[in-house]
Amino acid sequence: MVAEKRFLTLADVGEILNISSSQTYALVRSGELPAIQIGGRGQWRVESSKLEEFIEQAYRRSGTPVREAAGHDA
């Protein structure tokens, strides 16, 4: 069993959200999606829990209950 990664690359985040890499980078640069820079080349990483919070906030802004959007019964 593979443990869930704590930090995701911007490519991972873009794939999860089904958006382009430039859209993902824009979310990070605007501060809408919290991220940190790692290493000498300053590669961005997003903590998995922060991505989940971002998704929950997006559902709240859209007025859709998270459980309903995820396909769970209330």
N, C-alpha and C. Protein backbone atom coordinates (compact mmCIF):
# COMPACT_ATOMS: atom_id res chain seq x y z
N MET A 1 0.85 -1.18 0.00
CA MET A 1 0.00 0.00 0.00
C MET A 1 0.90 1.24 0.00
N VAL A 2 0.60 2.20 -0.86
CA VAL A 2 1.38 3.42 -0.97
C VAL A 2 0.72 4.50 -0.11
N ALA A 3 1.53 5.13 0.73
CA ALA A 3 1.01 6.21 1.57
C ALA A 3 0.70 7.43 0.71
N GLU A 4 -0.31 8.18 1.10
CA GLU A 4 -0.66 9.40 0.39
C GLU A 4 0.47 10.40 0.54
N LYS A 5 0.82 11.07 -0.57
CA LYS A 5 1.89 12.06 -0.52
C LYS A 5 1.43 13.29 0.25
N ARG A 6 2.33 13.80 1.10
CA ARG A 6 2.00 15.01 1.86
C ARG A 6 2.06 16.24 0.95
N PHE A 7 3.06 16.29 0.06
CA PHE A 7 3.23 17.42 -0.83
C PHE A 7 3.05 17.00 -2.28
N LEU A 8 2.38 17.85 -3.04
CA LEU A 8 2.11 17.60 -4.45
C LEU A 8 2.82 18.63 -5.31
N THR A 9 3.25 18.21 -6.50
CA THR A 9 3.80 19.16 -7.46
C THR A 9 2.64 19.94 -8.08
N LEU A 10 2.97 21.04 -8.76
CA LEU A 10 1.91 21.79 -9.45
C LEU A 10 1.29 20.95 -10.56
N ALA A 11 2.09 20.07 -11.17
CA ALA A 11 1.55 19.17 -12.19
C ALA A 11 0.52 18.22 -11.57
N ASP A 12 0.83 17.69 -10.38
CA ASP A 12 -0.12 16.82 -9.67
C ASP A 12 -1.42 17.57 -9.39
N VAL A 13 -1.28 18.81 -8.88
CA VAL A 13 -2.46 19.61 -8.53
C VAL A 13 -3.30 19.89 -9.77
N GLY A 14 -2.64 20.26 -10.87
CA GLY A 14 -3.36 20.52 -12.11
C GLY A 14 -4.12 19.30 -12.60
N GLU A 15 -3.49 18.14 -12.46
CA GLU A 15 -4.15 16.89 -12.88
C GLU A 15 -5.37 16.61 -12.00
N ILE A 16 -5.23 16.81 -10.70
CA ILE A 16 -6.34 16.56 -9.77
C ILE A 16 -7.51 17.49 -10.06
N LEU A 17 -7.19 18.78 -10.31
CA LEU A 17 -8.24 19.77 -10.56
C LEU A 17 -8.68 19.83 -12.02
N ASN A 18 -7.97 19.09 -12.88
CA ASN A 18 -8.26 19.08 -14.31
C ASN A 18 -8.15 20.49 -14.92
N ILE A 19 -7.04 21.17 -14.57
CA ILE A 19 -6.75 22.49 -15.12
C ILE A 19 -5.33 22.50 -15.67
N SER A 20 -5.01 23.51 -16.45
CA SER A 20 -3.68 23.60 -17.06
C SER A 20 -2.63 23.97 -16.03
N SER A 21 -1.37 23.76 -16.40
CA SER A 21 -0.28 24.12 -15.50
C SER A 21 -0.23 25.63 -15.27
N SER A 22 -0.56 26.42 -16.29
CA SER A 22 -0.55 27.87 -16.12
C SER A 22 -1.67 28.32 -15.18
N GLN A 23 -2.82 27.66 -15.23
CA GLN A 23 -3.91 27.98 -14.31
C GLN A 23 -3.52 27.61 -12.87
N THR A 24 -2.86 26.48 -12.71
CA THR A 24 -2.41 26.05 -11.39
C THR A 24 -1.41 27.05 -10.83
N TYR A 25 -0.44 27.45 -11.65
CA TYR A 25 0.58 28.41 -11.22
C TYR A 25 -0.07 29.73 -10.85
N ALA A 26 -1.07 30.16 -11.60
CA ALA A 26 -1.77 31.42 -11.30
C ALA A 26 -2.47 31.35 -9.95
N LEU A 27 -3.06 30.21 -9.61
CA LEU A 27 -3.71 30.05 -8.30
C LEU A 27 -2.70 30.20 -7.17
N VAL A 28 -1.50 29.65 -7.38
CA VAL A 28 -0.45 29.73 -6.37
C VAL A 28 0.09 31.16 -6.27
N ARG A 29 0.38 31.76 -7.41
CA ARG A 29 0.96 33.11 -7.42
C ARG A 29 0.00 34.14 -6.82
N SER A 30 -1.29 33.94 -7.01
CA SER A 30 -2.28 34.88 -6.47
C SER A 30 -2.49 34.69 -4.97
N GLY A 31 -2.02 33.56 -4.43
CA GLY A 31 -2.21 33.27 -3.02
C GLY A 31 -3.51 32.54 -2.74
N GLU A 32 -4.30 32.30 -3.78
CA GLU A 32 -5.57 31.59 -3.60
C GLU A 32 -5.35 30.15 -3.15
N LEU A 33 -4.27 29.54 -3.65
CA LEU A 33 -3.90 28.18 -3.27
C LEU A 33 -2.54 28.25 -2.57
N PRO A 34 -2.48 28.01 -1.26
CA PRO A 34 -1.21 28.10 -0.53
C PRO A 34 -0.20 27.06 -1.02
N ALA A 35 1.06 27.50 -1.16
CA ALA A 35 2.13 26.61 -1.61
C ALA A 35 3.45 27.10 -1.05
N ILE A 36 4.46 26.23 -1.10
CA ILE A 36 5.80 26.60 -0.67
C ILE A 36 6.78 26.30 -1.80
N GLN A 37 7.92 27.02 -1.78
CA GLN A 37 8.97 26.75 -2.76
C GLN A 37 10.05 25.92 -2.09
N ILE A 38 10.49 24.88 -2.80
CA ILE A 38 11.46 23.92 -2.27
C ILE A 38 12.66 23.85 -3.21
N GLY A 39 13.83 23.70 -2.64
CA GLY A 39 15.03 23.44 -3.42
C GLY A 39 15.63 24.66 -4.08
N GLY A 40 16.80 24.45 -4.68
CA GLY A 40 17.56 25.52 -5.31
C GLY A 40 16.86 26.17 -6.48
N ARG A 41 16.04 25.41 -7.19
CA ARG A 41 15.34 25.95 -8.35
C ARG A 41 13.97 26.50 -7.97
N GLY A 42 13.63 26.45 -6.70
CA GLY A 42 12.38 27.04 -6.23
C GLY A 42 11.14 26.38 -6.77
N GLN A 43 11.13 25.06 -6.81
CA GLN A 43 9.96 24.34 -7.31
C GLN A 43 8.84 24.42 -6.28
N TRP A 44 7.64 24.65 -6.78
CA TRP A 44 6.47 24.81 -5.91
C TRP A 44 5.92 23.47 -5.48
N ARG A 45 5.46 23.41 -4.22
CA ARG A 45 4.78 22.23 -3.69
C ARG A 45 3.54 22.69 -2.93
N VAL A 46 2.47 21.92 -3.07
CA VAL A 46 1.21 22.20 -2.38
C VAL A 46 0.95 21.05 -1.42
N GLU A 47 0.69 21.38 -0.17
CA GLU A 47 0.39 20.35 0.82
C GLU A 47 -0.99 19.76 0.52
N SER A 48 -1.10 18.45 0.56
CA SER A 48 -2.36 17.76 0.24
C SER A 48 -3.53 18.32 1.03
N SER A 49 -3.32 18.58 2.32
CA SER A 49 -4.41 19.10 3.15
C SER A 49 -4.85 20.49 2.69
N LYS A 50 -3.91 21.31 2.20
CA LYS A 50 -4.25 22.65 1.71
C LYS A 50 -5.05 22.55 0.42
N LEU A 51 -4.74 21.57 -0.42
CA LEU A 51 -5.51 21.36 -1.64
C LEU A 51 -6.94 20.96 -1.29
N GLU A 52 -7.10 20.07 -0.30
CA GLU A 52 -8.44 19.65 0.12
C GLU A 52 -9.23 20.84 0.66
N GLU A 53 -8.58 21.69 1.45
CA GLU A 53 -9.25 22.90 1.96
C GLU A 53 -9.67 23.82 0.81
N PHE A 54 -8.79 23.97 -0.18
CA PHE A 54 -9.09 24.80 -1.34
C PHE A 54 -10.32 24.27 -2.07
N ILE A 55 -10.40 22.96 -2.26
CA ILE A 55 -11.53 22.35 -2.94
C ILE A 55 -12.82 22.56 -2.14
N GLU A 56 -12.76 22.36 -0.82
CA GLU A 56 -13.94 22.58 0.03
C GLU A 56 -14.42 24.03 -0.05
N GLN A 57 -13.47 24.97 -0.05
CA GLN A 57 -13.83 26.39 -0.16
C GLN A 57 -14.48 26.68 -1.51
N ALA A 58 -13.99 26.04 -2.57
CA ALA A 58 -14.56 26.24 -3.90
C ALA A 58 -16.01 25.75 -3.93
N TYR A 59 -16.28 24.62 -3.27
CA TYR A 59 -17.66 24.12 -3.19
C TYR A 59 -18.55 25.09 -2.41
N ARG A 60 -18.02 25.62 -1.31
CA ARG A 60 -18.80 26.58 -0.52
C ARG A 60 -19.12 27.83 -1.34
N ARG A 61 -18.13 28.32 -2.09
CA ARG A 61 -18.36 29.52 -2.93
C ARG A 61 -19.40 29.25 -4.00
N SER A 62 -19.43 28.02 -4.51
CA SER A 62 -20.38 27.69 -5.58
C SER A 62 -21.77 27.36 -5.04
N GLY A 63 -21.88 27.21 -3.71
CA GLY A 63 -23.17 26.91 -3.10
C GLY A 63 -23.54 25.45 -3.15
N THR A 64 -22.60 24.58 -3.52
CA THR A 64 -22.87 23.15 -3.59
C THR A 64 -22.32 22.47 -2.34
N PRO A 65 -23.14 21.75 -1.60
CA PRO A 65 -22.63 21.03 -0.43
C PRO A 65 -21.55 20.03 -0.84
N VAL A 66 -20.47 19.95 -0.09
CA VAL A 66 -19.35 19.08 -0.42
C VAL A 66 -19.80 17.63 -0.50
N ARG A 67 -20.58 17.16 0.46
CA ARG A 67 -21.03 15.77 0.45
C ARG A 67 -21.86 15.47 -0.80
N GLU A 68 -22.72 16.41 -1.20
CA GLU A 68 -23.55 16.21 -2.38
C GLU A 68 -22.69 16.16 -3.63
N ALA A 69 -21.72 17.05 -3.73
CA ALA A 69 -20.86 17.11 -4.90
C ALA A 69 -19.99 15.87 -5.02
N ALA A 70 -19.64 15.29 -3.89
CA ALA A 70 -18.81 14.09 -3.88
C ALA A 70 -19.62 12.83 -4.13
N GLY A 71 -20.95 12.96 -4.23
CA GLY A 71 -21.79 11.82 -4.52
C GLY A 71 -22.20 11.01 -3.31
N HIS A 72 -22.08 11.59 -2.11
CA HIS A 72 -22.46 10.90 -0.88
C HIS A 72 -23.90 11.25 -0.52
N ASP A 73 -24.56 10.32 0.12
CA ASP A 73 -25.90 10.60 0.63
C ASP A 73 -25.78 11.42 1.91
N ALA A 74 -26.69 12.34 2.09
CA ALA A 74 -26.66 13.19 3.30
C ALA A 74 -27.22 12.45 4.49
